[in-house]
Amino acid sequence: MMKDIITEAKYLEILNLQDRINLELRNFFIGNKNQGRKALASLLVNYVEEIITKLNNEGYEFGLCDYSGDINYENSEQTFCNGKEMGTGICLHFHGFSVQAFWEGNDRYA
């Protein structure tokens, strides 16, 4: 059985995915920033779910690994991963209206 190995091509895919999502989040924030803090916190959670649904429709298969919602949107955190085991594969750590994408697994540095 072949292990999933993080290659330069896979790493570039992760970087491109991060750029794409951050741009979407930034534009969404700009378009909704006048709705107030409470509304932004709720909108953020729903929008992240929409992003994940869209990515899964593209074949990624992300699942929720961790959630820490907060009324202050900049403290809201959600982590989704698409590996065979929870917390592995491509991981997306949403923190407020930004995302950090990274690879996690036993073969992390292979």
N, C-alpha and C. Protein backbone atom coordinates (compact mmCIF):
# COMPACT_ATOMS: atom_id res chain seq x y z
N MET A 1 0.85 -1.18 0.00
CA MET A 1 0.00 0.00 0.00
C MET A 1 0.90 1.24 0.00
N MET A 2 0.60 2.18 -0.88
CA MET A 2 1.40 3.39 -1.00
C MET A 2 0.93 4.46 -0.01
N LYS A 3 1.87 5.05 0.71
CA LYS A 3 1.54 6.12 1.64
C LYS A 3 1.31 7.42 0.88
N ASP A 4 0.46 8.27 1.44
CA ASP A 4 0.35 9.63 0.91
C ASP A 4 1.59 10.38 1.37
N ILE A 5 2.31 10.92 0.44
CA ILE A 5 3.53 11.64 0.76
C ILE A 5 3.37 13.08 0.32
N ILE A 6 3.80 14.00 1.16
CA ILE A 6 3.74 15.42 0.81
C ILE A 6 4.87 15.71 -0.16
N THR A 7 4.52 16.00 -1.38
CA THR A 7 5.48 16.31 -2.42
C THR A 7 5.43 17.81 -2.69
N GLU A 8 6.34 18.28 -3.50
CA GLU A 8 6.33 19.69 -3.86
C GLU A 8 5.02 20.06 -4.56
N ALA A 9 4.50 19.17 -5.39
CA ALA A 9 3.24 19.43 -6.08
C ALA A 9 2.08 19.51 -5.08
N LYS A 10 2.06 18.61 -4.12
CA LYS A 10 1.00 18.62 -3.10
C LYS A 10 1.12 19.88 -2.24
N TYR A 11 2.36 20.25 -1.91
CA TYR A 11 2.57 21.45 -1.10
C TYR A 11 2.09 22.69 -1.85
N LEU A 12 2.36 22.75 -3.14
CA LEU A 12 1.89 23.88 -3.94
C LEU A 12 0.36 23.90 -3.98
N GLU A 13 -0.26 22.74 -4.08
CA GLU A 13 -1.72 22.66 -4.05
C GLU A 13 -2.24 23.24 -2.73
N ILE A 14 -1.58 22.91 -1.62
CA ILE A 14 -1.99 23.41 -0.31
C ILE A 14 -1.85 24.94 -0.26
N LEU A 15 -0.73 25.45 -0.75
CA LEU A 15 -0.52 26.90 -0.76
C LEU A 15 -1.56 27.61 -1.62
N ASN A 16 -1.86 27.05 -2.79
CA ASN A 16 -2.86 27.65 -3.67
C ASN A 16 -4.26 27.60 -3.04
N LEU A 17 -4.56 26.50 -2.37
CA LEU A 17 -5.84 26.37 -1.68
C LEU A 17 -5.95 27.43 -0.58
N GLN A 18 -4.88 27.61 0.17
CA GLN A 18 -4.86 28.62 1.23
C GLN A 18 -5.08 30.02 0.66
N ASP A 19 -4.39 30.35 -0.41
CA ASP A 19 -4.55 31.66 -1.05
C ASP A 19 -5.99 31.88 -1.51
N ARG A 20 -6.54 30.86 -2.15
CA ARG A 20 -7.91 30.95 -2.68
C ARG A 20 -8.92 31.18 -1.57
N ILE A 21 -8.80 30.40 -0.49
CA ILE A 21 -9.76 30.52 0.61
C ILE A 21 -9.60 31.85 1.33
N ASN A 22 -8.35 32.28 1.55
CA ASN A 22 -8.13 33.56 2.23
C ASN A 22 -8.72 34.72 1.42
N LEU A 23 -8.62 34.65 0.12
CA LEU A 23 -9.20 35.69 -0.72
C LEU A 23 -10.73 35.70 -0.58
N GLU A 24 -11.33 34.50 -0.59
CA GLU A 24 -12.78 34.41 -0.41
C GLU A 24 -13.20 34.97 0.95
N LEU A 25 -12.47 34.59 2.00
CA LEU A 25 -12.79 35.07 3.34
C LEU A 25 -12.64 36.59 3.46
N ARG A 26 -11.58 37.10 2.88
CA ARG A 26 -11.33 38.55 2.92
C ARG A 26 -12.45 39.30 2.22
N ASN A 27 -12.81 38.85 1.03
CA ASN A 27 -13.88 39.51 0.28
C ASN A 27 -15.22 39.42 1.01
N PHE A 28 -15.47 38.28 1.64
CA PHE A 28 -16.71 38.11 2.39
C PHE A 28 -16.73 39.08 3.58
N PHE A 29 -15.60 39.20 4.27
CA PHE A 29 -15.52 40.13 5.40
C PHE A 29 -15.76 41.56 4.94
N ILE A 30 -15.10 41.97 3.87
CA ILE A 30 -15.26 43.33 3.35
C ILE A 30 -16.72 43.60 2.98
N GLY A 31 -17.36 42.63 2.38
CA GLY A 31 -18.75 42.80 1.97
C GLY A 31 -19.76 42.80 3.11
N ASN A 32 -19.34 42.32 4.29
CA ASN A 32 -20.28 42.19 5.41
C ASN A 32 -19.85 42.91 6.68
N LYS A 33 -18.74 43.63 6.65
CA LYS A 33 -18.17 44.21 7.88
C LYS A 33 -19.08 45.22 8.56
N ASN A 34 -20.01 45.81 7.84
CA ASN A 34 -20.89 46.81 8.43
C ASN A 34 -22.10 46.21 9.15
N GLN A 35 -22.20 44.89 9.19
CA GLN A 35 -23.35 44.24 9.83
C GLN A 35 -23.21 44.10 11.34
N GLY A 36 -22.04 44.40 11.87
CA GLY A 36 -21.85 44.34 13.32
C GLY A 36 -21.19 43.04 13.76
N ARG A 37 -20.59 43.09 14.93
CA ARG A 37 -19.79 41.98 15.46
C ARG A 37 -20.60 40.70 15.63
N LYS A 38 -21.78 40.82 16.22
CA LYS A 38 -22.58 39.62 16.49
C LYS A 38 -22.97 38.93 15.19
N ALA A 39 -23.39 39.71 14.22
CA ALA A 39 -23.77 39.14 12.93
C ALA A 39 -22.56 38.52 12.23
N LEU A 40 -21.41 39.18 12.31
CA LEU A 40 -20.20 38.65 11.66
C LEU A 40 -19.80 37.29 12.22
N ALA A 41 -19.93 37.11 13.52
CA ALA A 41 -19.57 35.82 14.12
C ALA A 41 -20.43 34.70 13.57
N SER A 42 -21.72 34.95 13.45
CA SER A 42 -22.64 33.94 12.90
C SER A 42 -22.41 33.73 11.41
N LEU A 43 -22.23 34.83 10.69
CA LEU A 43 -21.98 34.73 9.25
C LEU A 43 -20.71 33.95 8.95
N LEU A 44 -19.70 34.16 9.77
CA LEU A 44 -18.41 33.48 9.57
C LEU A 44 -18.57 31.97 9.64
N VAL A 45 -19.21 31.48 10.66
CA VAL A 45 -19.39 30.03 10.83
C VAL A 45 -20.13 29.44 9.64
N ASN A 46 -21.19 30.11 9.22
CA ASN A 46 -21.97 29.62 8.08
C ASN A 46 -21.16 29.68 6.79
N TYR A 47 -20.37 30.73 6.61
CA TYR A 47 -19.59 30.87 5.38
C TYR A 47 -18.49 29.82 5.31
N VAL A 48 -17.85 29.53 6.43
CA VAL A 48 -16.83 28.48 6.45
C VAL A 48 -17.46 27.15 6.03
N GLU A 49 -18.65 26.87 6.54
CA GLU A 49 -19.35 25.64 6.15
C GLU A 49 -19.63 25.62 4.65
N GLU A 50 -20.00 26.77 4.08
CA GLU A 50 -20.22 26.85 2.64
C GLU A 50 -18.93 26.58 1.86
N ILE A 51 -17.83 27.13 2.33
CA ILE A 51 -16.53 26.89 1.68
C ILE A 51 -16.20 25.41 1.70
N ILE A 52 -16.37 24.78 2.84
CA ILE A 52 -16.06 23.35 2.98
C ILE A 52 -16.96 22.52 2.08
N THR A 53 -18.23 22.85 2.02
CA THR A 53 -19.16 22.14 1.13
C THR A 53 -18.71 22.27 -0.31
N LYS A 54 -18.32 23.47 -0.72
CA LYS A 54 -17.86 23.69 -2.09
C LYS A 54 -16.60 22.87 -2.37
N LEU A 55 -15.67 22.86 -1.43
CA LEU A 55 -14.44 22.08 -1.63
C LEU A 55 -14.74 20.59 -1.70
N ASN A 56 -15.65 20.12 -0.87
CA ASN A 56 -16.01 18.70 -0.89
C ASN A 56 -16.71 18.32 -2.20
N ASN A 57 -17.45 19.26 -2.76
CA ASN A 57 -18.06 19.01 -4.07
C ASN A 57 -17.01 18.91 -5.17
N GLU A 58 -15.83 19.49 -4.90
CA GLU A 58 -14.70 19.39 -5.83
C GLU A 58 -13.88 18.13 -5.59
N GLY A 59 -14.23 17.35 -4.54
CA GLY A 59 -13.56 16.09 -4.29
C GLY A 59 -12.62 16.02 -3.10
N TYR A 60 -12.56 17.05 -2.27
CA TYR A 60 -11.61 17.07 -1.16
C TYR A 60 -11.99 16.19 0.04
N GLU A 61 -13.24 16.06 0.38
CA GLU A 61 -13.71 15.24 1.51
C GLU A 61 -13.20 15.73 2.86
N PHE A 62 -13.35 17.03 3.14
CA PHE A 62 -12.97 17.58 4.44
C PHE A 62 -14.01 17.24 5.49
N GLY A 63 -13.54 16.96 6.69
CA GLY A 63 -14.40 16.74 7.84
C GLY A 63 -13.95 17.62 8.99
N LEU A 64 -14.89 18.00 9.85
CA LEU A 64 -14.59 18.85 11.00
C LEU A 64 -13.76 18.08 12.02
N CYS A 65 -12.66 18.68 12.45
CA CYS A 65 -11.80 18.07 13.47
C CYS A 65 -11.89 18.80 14.80
N ASP A 66 -12.10 20.12 14.74
CA ASP A 66 -12.12 20.91 15.97
C ASP A 66 -12.93 22.18 15.72
N TYR A 67 -13.65 22.60 16.74
CA TYR A 67 -14.47 23.81 16.62
C TYR A 67 -14.41 24.59 17.93
N SER A 68 -14.19 25.87 17.81
CA SER A 68 -14.19 26.76 18.96
C SER A 68 -14.81 28.08 18.52
N GLY A 69 -16.13 28.12 18.51
CA GLY A 69 -16.83 29.34 18.11
C GLY A 69 -16.73 30.40 19.19
N ASP A 70 -16.88 31.63 18.80
CA ASP A 70 -16.78 32.73 19.74
C ASP A 70 -17.62 33.89 19.22
N ILE A 71 -18.27 34.62 20.11
CA ILE A 71 -19.06 35.78 19.70
C ILE A 71 -18.17 36.84 19.07
N ASN A 72 -16.90 36.87 19.44
CA ASN A 72 -15.91 37.73 18.80
C ASN A 72 -15.31 36.96 17.65
N TYR A 73 -15.72 37.30 16.44
CA TYR A 73 -15.36 36.51 15.26
C TYR A 73 -13.87 36.29 15.12
N GLU A 74 -13.04 37.23 15.57
CA GLU A 74 -11.60 37.05 15.41
C GLU A 74 -11.04 35.96 16.31
N ASN A 75 -11.83 35.48 17.27
CA ASN A 75 -11.41 34.38 18.14
C ASN A 75 -12.03 33.05 17.73
N SER A 76 -12.89 33.06 16.75
CA SER A 76 -13.55 31.84 16.29
C SER A 76 -12.54 30.97 15.55
N GLU A 77 -12.51 29.67 15.86
CA GLU A 77 -11.58 28.74 15.21
C GLU A 77 -12.31 27.46 14.82
N GLN A 78 -11.97 26.98 13.63
CA GLN A 78 -12.49 25.71 13.14
C GLN A 78 -11.38 25.03 12.37
N THR A 79 -11.24 23.73 12.55
CA THR A 79 -10.23 22.98 11.81
C THR A 79 -10.90 21.82 11.09
N PHE A 80 -10.60 21.70 9.80
CA PHE A 80 -11.12 20.63 8.95
C PHE A 80 -9.92 19.90 8.34
N CYS A 81 -10.01 18.57 8.21
CA CYS A 81 -8.95 17.79 7.58
C CYS A 81 -9.57 16.78 6.62
N ASN A 82 -8.77 16.32 5.65
CA ASN A 82 -9.31 15.38 4.67
C ASN A 82 -8.56 14.06 4.62
N GLY A 83 -7.80 13.74 5.66
CA GLY A 83 -7.05 12.49 5.68
C GLY A 83 -7.89 11.28 6.02
N LYS A 84 -7.29 10.11 5.89
CA LYS A 84 -7.99 8.87 6.20
C LYS A 84 -8.26 8.74 7.70
N GLU A 85 -7.40 9.37 8.51
CA GLU A 85 -7.58 9.40 9.96
C GLU A 85 -7.86 10.84 10.37
N MET A 86 -8.69 11.01 11.39
CA MET A 86 -9.03 12.35 11.85
C MET A 86 -7.77 13.13 12.19
N GLY A 87 -7.69 14.37 11.68
CA GLY A 87 -6.55 15.22 11.99
C GLY A 87 -5.36 15.03 11.07
N THR A 88 -5.55 14.31 9.96
CA THR A 88 -4.45 14.08 9.03
C THR A 88 -4.84 14.56 7.64
N GLY A 89 -3.85 14.57 6.74
CA GLY A 89 -4.07 15.01 5.37
C GLY A 89 -3.92 16.51 5.26
N ILE A 90 -4.63 17.10 4.30
CA ILE A 90 -4.65 18.55 4.20
C ILE A 90 -5.55 19.06 5.31
N CYS A 91 -5.01 19.95 6.12
CA CYS A 91 -5.78 20.53 7.23
C CYS A 91 -5.98 22.01 6.97
N LEU A 92 -7.17 22.47 7.25
CA LEU A 92 -7.52 23.88 7.12
C LEU A 92 -7.90 24.39 8.50
N HIS A 93 -7.08 25.29 9.03
CA HIS A 93 -7.34 25.89 10.34
C HIS A 93 -7.86 27.31 10.12
N PHE A 94 -9.17 27.47 10.28
CA PHE A 94 -9.80 28.77 10.14
C PHE A 94 -9.69 29.50 11.48
N HIS A 95 -9.21 30.72 11.43
CA HIS A 95 -9.11 31.55 12.62
C HIS A 95 -9.63 32.93 12.24
N GLY A 96 -10.84 33.24 12.69
CA GLY A 96 -11.48 34.46 12.23
C GLY A 96 -11.69 34.37 10.73
N PHE A 97 -11.46 35.46 10.04
CA PHE A 97 -11.64 35.49 8.59
C PHE A 97 -10.32 35.21 7.87
N SER A 98 -9.63 34.18 8.31
CA SER A 98 -8.41 33.74 7.63
C SER A 98 -8.27 32.23 7.81
N VAL A 99 -7.42 31.63 6.98
CA VAL A 99 -7.18 30.20 7.07
C VAL A 99 -5.70 29.92 6.90
N GLN A 100 -5.22 28.93 7.63
CA GLN A 100 -3.87 28.40 7.46
C GLN A 100 -4.05 26.96 6.98
N ALA A 101 -3.47 26.64 5.83
CA ALA A 101 -3.56 25.29 5.28
C ALA A 101 -2.21 24.60 5.48
N PHE A 102 -2.25 23.32 5.87
CA PHE A 102 -1.01 22.57 6.11
C PHE A 102 -1.28 21.09 5.97
N TRP A 103 -0.22 20.32 5.90
CA TRP A 103 -0.29 18.87 5.81
C TRP A 103 0.04 18.29 7.17
N GLU A 104 -0.72 17.29 7.60
CA GLU A 104 -0.45 16.61 8.87
C GLU A 104 -0.57 15.11 8.68
N GLY A 105 0.36 14.37 9.24
CA GLY A 105 0.34 12.92 9.15
C GLY A 105 1.69 12.36 9.52
N ASN A 106 1.76 11.04 9.58
CA ASN A 106 3.01 10.38 9.93
C ASN A 106 4.11 10.64 8.89
N ASP A 107 3.67 10.90 7.66
CA ASP A 107 4.61 11.13 6.57
C ASP A 107 4.83 12.62 6.32
N ARG A 108 4.60 13.42 7.32
CA ARG A 108 4.62 14.87 7.20
C ARG A 108 5.88 15.39 6.51
N TYR A 109 7.02 14.83 6.83
CA TYR A 109 8.28 15.33 6.28
C TYR A 109 8.94 14.37 5.32
N ALA A 110 8.18 13.41 4.81
CA ALA A 110 8.73 12.42 3.88
C ALA A 110 9.05 13.05 2.54
